[in-house]
Amino acid sequence: MHDIRDASFTTQPFRLTREEFHGAVKATGLHRRQRRLAAAGAVLFAAMNAAFFLLEIPPNRLLLGAAAGQAVLGVVLPPVLTALSYRAWRRKGEREGYYVMDGDGLACHGGEELLRMPWSLFTGYRETDRMFVLLWRKGRKQWFLTVPKRLLTGPGEAELLGALLEDRIGRR
């Protein structure tokens, strides 16, 4: 039987599309905390206004405005931040690159650049229908690396890569 730890994958050269970038951000849940905080703030301001109503105090327009502002920030701001991040990434200089994944870790090749990351660096991964999203942390920041499944052209390569990631990183 072939040991999955000895497997090696090399992707085709690719450029990440806007849809793949947005899907990766959604899979990582980067804006989940922001939405929860905005929802909690909106509920808090609405509850304070309801308490004023029960005490027969006239409604406070400032609290109503704050609740509406919190709700808008929770709905509108995350997609805007994602779009701005994608534009900044594109402006930085999008290069065609490819990945090499083996028993030691992952190597990113882009132009003349080479970045080698051992499996121990990654904190987890997420799998969607269209991609694998590898996660790691540096300080308080969460980073991600996207491996689109469209790059894995061999028969069963996506399943093998999923098994390799499960063995080396584990889901989070």
C-alpha atoms as a PDB file:
ATOM      1  CA  MET A   1       0.000   0.000   0.000  1.00  0.00           C
ATOM      2  CA  HIS A   2       1.239   3.465  -0.860  1.00  0.00           C
ATOM      3  CA  ASP A   3       1.920   5.621   2.201  1.00  0.00           C
ATOM      4  CA  ILE A   4       0.173   8.986   1.894  1.00  0.00           C
ATOM      5  CA  ARG A   5       3.062  10.712   3.696  1.00  0.00           C
ATOM      6  CA  ASP A   6       5.321   9.909   0.740  1.00  0.00           C
ATOM      7  CA  ALA A   7       2.943  11.559  -1.741  1.00  0.00           C
ATOM      8  CA  SER A   8       4.021  14.649  -3.625  1.00  0.00           C
ATOM      9  CA  PHE A   9       1.781  17.064  -5.542  1.00  0.00           C
ATOM     10  CA  THR A  10       2.763  19.762  -7.994  1.00  0.00           C
ATOM     11  CA  THR A  11       0.024  22.082  -9.202  1.00  0.00           C
ATOM     12  CA  GLN A  12      -0.184  23.698 -12.593  1.00  0.00           C
ATOM     13  CA  PRO A  13       0.793  27.372 -12.826  1.00  0.00           C
ATOM     14  CA  PHE A  14      -2.255  29.459 -11.929  1.00  0.00           C
ATOM     15  CA  ARG A  15      -3.659  32.851 -11.027  1.00  0.00           C
ATOM     16  CA  LEU A  16      -6.236  33.132  -8.270  1.00  0.00           C
ATOM     17  CA  THR A  17      -9.591  34.467  -9.465  1.00  0.00           C
ATOM     18  CA  ARG A  18     -11.802  36.921  -7.593  1.00  0.00           C
ATOM     19  CA  GLU A  19     -14.391  34.226  -6.883  1.00  0.00           C
ATOM     20  CA  GLU A  20     -11.729  31.917  -5.441  1.00  0.00           C
ATOM     21  CA  PHE A  21     -10.380  34.711  -3.238  1.00  0.00           C
ATOM     22  CA  HIS A  22     -13.857  35.532  -1.914  1.00  0.00           C
ATOM     23  CA  GLY A  23     -14.566  31.816  -1.377  1.00  0.00           C
ATOM     24  CA  ALA A  24     -11.332  31.445   0.599  1.00  0.00           C
ATOM     25  CA  VAL A  25     -12.171  34.426   2.812  1.00  0.00           C
ATOM     26  CA  LYS A  26     -15.621  32.984   3.415  1.00  0.00           C
ATOM     27  CA  ALA A  27     -14.189  29.536   4.203  1.00  0.00           C
ATOM     28  CA  THR A  28     -11.737  30.947   6.745  1.00  0.00           C
ATOM     29  CA  GLY A  29     -14.455  32.918   8.526  1.00  0.00           C
ATOM     30  CA  LEU A  30     -12.314  36.042   8.823  1.00  0.00           C
ATOM     31  CA  HIS A  31     -15.318  38.356   9.201  1.00  0.00           C
ATOM     32  CA  ARG A  32     -17.421  36.034  11.356  1.00  0.00           C
ATOM     33  CA  ARG A  33     -16.361  37.723  14.622  1.00  0.00           C
ATOM     34  CA  GLN A  34     -17.000  41.184  13.176  1.00  0.00           C
ATOM     35  CA  ARG A  35     -20.527  40.216  12.178  1.00  0.00           C
ATOM     36  CA  ARG A  36     -21.223  38.715  15.589  1.00  0.00           C
ATOM     37  CA  LEU A  37     -20.008  41.848  17.365  1.00  0.00           C
ATOM     38  CA  ALA A  38     -22.108  44.068  15.106  1.00  0.00           C
ATOM     39  CA  ALA A  39     -25.184  41.906  15.730  1.00  0.00           C
ATOM     40  CA  ALA A  40     -24.583  41.957  19.494  1.00  0.00           C
ATOM     41  CA  GLY A  41     -24.190  45.742  19.441  1.00  0.00           C
ATOM     42  CA  ALA A  42     -27.379  46.179  17.417  1.00  0.00           C
ATOM     43  CA  VAL A  43     -29.307  43.930  19.842  1.00  0.00           C
ATOM     44  CA  LEU A  44     -27.863  45.800  22.827  1.00  0.00           C
ATOM     45  CA  PHE A  45     -28.863  49.213  21.479  1.00  0.00           C
ATOM     46  CA  ALA A  46     -32.323  47.926  20.511  1.00  0.00           C
ATOM     47  CA  ALA A  47     -32.779  46.390  23.983  1.00  0.00           C
ATOM     48  CA  MET A  48     -31.812  49.665  25.634  1.00  0.00           C
ATOM     49  CA  ASN A  49     -34.357  51.462  23.481  1.00  0.00           C
ATOM     50  CA  ALA A  50     -36.997  48.857  24.375  1.00  0.00           C
ATOM     51  CA  ALA A  51     -36.226  49.397  28.066  1.00  0.00           C
ATOM     52  CA  PHE A  52     -36.786  53.118  27.597  1.00  0.00           C
ATOM     53  CA  PHE A  53     -40.116  52.322  25.936  1.00  0.00           C
ATOM     54  CA  LEU A  54     -41.177  50.083  28.839  1.00  0.00           C
ATOM     55  CA  LEU A  55     -40.267  52.824  31.318  1.00  0.00           C
ATOM     56  CA  GLU A  56     -42.378  55.228  29.255  1.00  0.00           C
ATOM     57  CA  ILE A  57     -39.365  57.339  28.353  1.00  0.00           C
ATOM     58  CA  PRO A  58     -39.464  58.750  24.821  1.00  0.00           C
ATOM     59  CA  PRO A  59     -37.355  56.697  22.343  1.00  0.00           C
ATOM     60  CA  ASN A  60     -33.817  57.867  21.956  1.00  0.00           C
ATOM     61  CA  ARG A  61     -33.024  58.559  18.299  1.00  0.00           C
ATOM     62  CA  LEU A  62     -29.321  58.247  18.962  1.00  0.00           C
ATOM     63  CA  LEU A  63     -29.722  54.668  20.221  1.00  0.00           C
ATOM     64  CA  LEU A  64     -31.952  53.771  17.261  1.00  0.00           C
ATOM     65  CA  GLY A  65     -29.372  55.236  14.899  1.00  0.00           C
ATOM     66  CA  ALA A  66     -26.568  53.334  16.630  1.00  0.00           C
ATOM     67  CA  ALA A  67     -28.500  50.054  16.335  1.00  0.00           C
ATOM     68  CA  ALA A  68     -29.131  50.675  12.632  1.00  0.00           C
ATOM     69  CA  GLY A  69     -25.479  51.646  12.114  1.00  0.00           C
ATOM     70  CA  GLN A  70     -24.261  48.472  13.826  1.00  0.00           C
ATOM     71  CA  ALA A  71     -26.563  46.355  11.681  1.00  0.00           C
ATOM     72  CA  VAL A  72     -25.366  48.057   8.494  1.00  0.00           C
ATOM     73  CA  LEU A  73     -21.707  47.615   9.489  1.00  0.00           C
ATOM     74  CA  GLY A  74     -22.266  43.919  10.103  1.00  0.00           C
ATOM     75  CA  VAL A  75     -23.871  43.397   6.700  1.00  0.00           C
ATOM     76  CA  VAL A  76     -22.105  45.866   4.396  1.00  0.00           C
ATOM     77  CA  LEU A  77     -18.573  46.171   5.739  1.00  0.00           C
ATOM     78  CA  PRO A  78     -17.283  42.550   5.430  1.00  0.00           C
ATOM     79  CA  PRO A  79     -17.830  42.276   1.642  1.00  0.00           C
ATOM     80  CA  VAL A  80     -16.321  45.725   1.143  1.00  0.00           C
ATOM     81  CA  LEU A  81     -13.232  44.770   3.170  1.00  0.00           C
ATOM     82  CA  THR A  82     -12.862  41.551   1.170  1.00  0.00           C
ATOM     83  CA  ALA A  83     -13.063  43.438  -2.132  1.00  0.00           C
ATOM     84  CA  LEU A  84     -10.495  45.975  -0.932  1.00  0.00           C
ATOM     85  CA  SER A  85      -8.175  43.163   0.170  1.00  0.00           C
ATOM     86  CA  TYR A  86      -8.442  41.504  -3.238  1.00  0.00           C
ATOM     87  CA  ARG A  87      -7.690  44.790  -5.025  1.00  0.00           C
ATOM     88  CA  ALA A  88      -4.677  45.433  -2.786  1.00  0.00           C
ATOM     89  CA  TRP A  89      -3.415  41.904  -3.465  1.00  0.00           C
ATOM     90  CA  ARG A  90      -3.795  42.450  -7.219  1.00  0.00           C
ATOM     91  CA  ARG A  91      -2.051  45.852  -7.073  1.00  0.00           C
ATOM     92  CA  LYS A  92       0.825  44.328  -5.162  1.00  0.00           C
ATOM     93  CA  GLY A  93       1.671  42.378  -8.270  1.00  0.00           C
ATOM     94  CA  GLU A  94      -0.153  39.207  -9.084  1.00  0.00           C
ATOM     95  CA  ARG A  95       2.226  36.622 -10.420  1.00  0.00           C
ATOM     96  CA  GLU A  96       1.553  33.269 -11.928  1.00  0.00           C
ATOM     97  CA  GLY A  97       2.774  30.614  -9.541  1.00  0.00           C
ATOM     98  CA  TYR A  98       2.492  27.004  -8.532  1.00  0.00           C
ATOM     99  CA  TYR A  99       2.735  24.881  -5.383  1.00  0.00           C
ATOM    100  CA  VAL A 100       4.764  21.782  -4.591  1.00  0.00           C
ATOM    101  CA  MET A 101       3.440  19.775  -1.643  1.00  0.00           C
ATOM    102  CA  ASP A 102       5.459  16.870  -0.275  1.00  0.00           C
ATOM    103  CA  GLY A 103       6.237  15.137   3.013  1.00  0.00           C
ATOM    104  CA  ASP A 104       8.273  18.085   4.312  1.00  0.00           C
ATOM    105  CA  GLY A 105       5.789  20.857   3.662  1.00  0.00           C
ATOM    106  CA  LEU A 106       4.605  23.214   0.982  1.00  0.00           C
ATOM    107  CA  ALA A 107       6.718  25.268  -1.416  1.00  0.00           C
ATOM    108  CA  CYS A 108       5.230  28.269  -3.202  1.00  0.00           C
ATOM    109  CA  HIS A 109       6.901  29.205  -6.469  1.00  0.00           C
ATOM    110  CA  GLY A 110       5.985  32.550  -8.008  1.00  0.00           C
ATOM    111  CA  GLY A 111       8.246  34.053 -10.627  1.00  0.00           C
ATOM    112  CA  GLU A 112      11.691  33.810  -9.082  1.00  0.00           C
ATOM    113  CA  GLU A 113      10.428  33.710  -5.519  1.00  0.00           C
ATOM    114  CA  LEU A 114      10.407  30.571  -3.419  1.00  0.00           C
ATOM    115  CA  LEU A 115       8.685  30.263  -0.065  1.00  0.00           C
ATOM    116  CA  ARG A 116       9.028  27.023   1.861  1.00  0.00           C
ATOM    117  CA  MET A 117       6.585  26.343   4.707  1.00  0.00           C
ATOM    118  CA  PRO A 118       6.776  23.211   6.889  1.00  0.00           C
ATOM    119  CA  TRP A 119       3.558  21.412   7.789  1.00  0.00           C
ATOM    120  CA  SER A 120       4.045  22.383  11.446  1.00  0.00           C
ATOM    121  CA  LEU A 121       3.446  26.048  10.523  1.00  0.00           C
ATOM    122  CA  PHE A 122      -0.169  25.396   9.504  1.00  0.00           C
ATOM    123  CA  THR A 123      -2.867  25.402  12.171  1.00  0.00           C
ATOM    124  CA  GLY A 124      -5.583  23.780  10.090  1.00  0.00           C
ATOM    125  CA  TYR A 125      -7.287  23.614   6.743  1.00  0.00           C
ATOM    126  CA  ARG A 126     -10.764  23.936   5.305  1.00  0.00           C
ATOM    127  CA  GLU A 127     -12.104  22.135   2.273  1.00  0.00           C
ATOM    128  CA  THR A 128     -14.836  23.498   0.041  1.00  0.00           C
ATOM    129  CA  ASP A 129     -16.255  22.190  -3.213  1.00  0.00           C
ATOM    130  CA  ARG A 130     -13.786  24.273  -5.213  1.00  0.00           C
ATOM    131  CA  MET A 131     -10.635  24.561  -3.065  1.00  0.00           C
ATOM    132  CA  PHE A 132      -8.496  23.711  -0.073  1.00  0.00           C
ATOM    133  CA  VAL A 133      -7.734  26.644   2.236  1.00  0.00           C
ATOM    134  CA  LEU A 134      -4.656  26.210   4.438  1.00  0.00           C
ATOM    135  CA  LEU A 135      -4.597  28.332   7.622  1.00  0.00           C
ATOM    136  CA  TRP A 136      -1.805  29.611   9.840  1.00  0.00           C
ATOM    137  CA  ARG A 137      -1.318  32.335  12.403  1.00  0.00           C
ATOM    138  CA  LYS A 138       1.444  34.859  12.838  1.00  0.00           C
ATOM    139  CA  GLY A 139       0.901  36.758  16.045  1.00  0.00           C
ATOM    140  CA  ARG A 140      -2.729  37.839  16.162  1.00  0.00           C
ATOM    141  CA  LYS A 141      -3.150  37.746  12.392  1.00  0.00           C
ATOM    142  CA  GLN A 142      -4.660  34.804  10.575  1.00  0.00           C
ATOM    143  CA  TRP A 143      -3.244  34.000   7.145  1.00  0.00           C
ATOM    144  CA  PHE A 144      -4.500  31.661   4.484  1.00  0.00           C
ATOM    145  CA  LEU A 145      -3.245  29.999   1.339  1.00  0.00           C
ATOM    146  CA  THR A 146      -5.612  28.734  -1.318  1.00  0.00           C
ATOM    147  CA  VAL A 147      -5.133  25.587  -3.396  1.00  0.00           C
ATOM    148  CA  PRO A 148      -7.910  25.474  -6.031  1.00  0.00           C
ATOM    149  CA  LYS A 149      -9.061  21.961  -6.917  1.00  0.00           C
ATOM    150  CA  ARG A 150      -9.067  22.901 -10.593  1.00  0.00           C
ATOM    151  CA  LEU A 151      -5.268  22.680 -10.442  1.00  0.00           C
ATOM    152  CA  LEU A 152      -5.308  19.039  -9.433  1.00  0.00           C
ATOM    153  CA  THR A 153      -5.913  17.383 -12.787  1.00  0.00           C
ATOM    154  CA  GLY A 154      -4.864  13.792 -12.102  1.00  0.00           C
ATOM    155  CA  PRO A 155      -7.428  11.138 -11.213  1.00  0.00           C
ATOM    156  CA  GLY A 156      -8.167  11.241  -7.499  1.00  0.00           C
ATOM    157  CA  GLU A 157      -5.553  13.913  -6.736  1.00  0.00           C
ATOM    158  CA  ALA A 158      -8.050  16.058  -4.820  1.00  0.00           C
ATOM    159  CA  GLU A 159      -8.932  13.121  -2.542  1.00  0.00           C
ATOM    160  CA  LEU A 160      -5.250  12.262  -2.055  1.00  0.00           C
ATOM    161  CA  LEU A 161      -4.407  15.862  -1.210  1.00  0.00           C
ATOM    162  CA  GLY A 162      -7.291  15.927   1.262  1.00  0.00           C
ATOM    163  CA  ALA A 163      -5.917  12.776   2.910  1.00  0.00           C
ATOM    164  CA  LEU A 164      -2.390  14.270   3.010  1.00  0.00           C
ATOM    165  CA  LEU A 165      -3.679  17.487   4.601  1.00  0.00           C
ATOM    166  CA  GLU A 166      -5.730  15.506   7.113  1.00  0.00           C
ATOM    167  CA  ASP A 167      -2.658  13.462   8.038  1.00  0.00           C
ATOM    168  CA  ARG A 168      -0.208  16.386   8.229  1.00  0.00           C
ATOM    169  CA  ILE A 169      -2.347  19.291   9.467  1.00  0.00           C
ATOM    170  CA  GLY A 170      -5.781  18.113  10.574  1.00  0.00           C
ATOM    171  CA  ARG A 171      -9.009  20.037  10.261  1.00  0.00           C
ATOM    172  CA  ARG A 172      -9.769  23.031  12.406  1.00  0.00           C
END
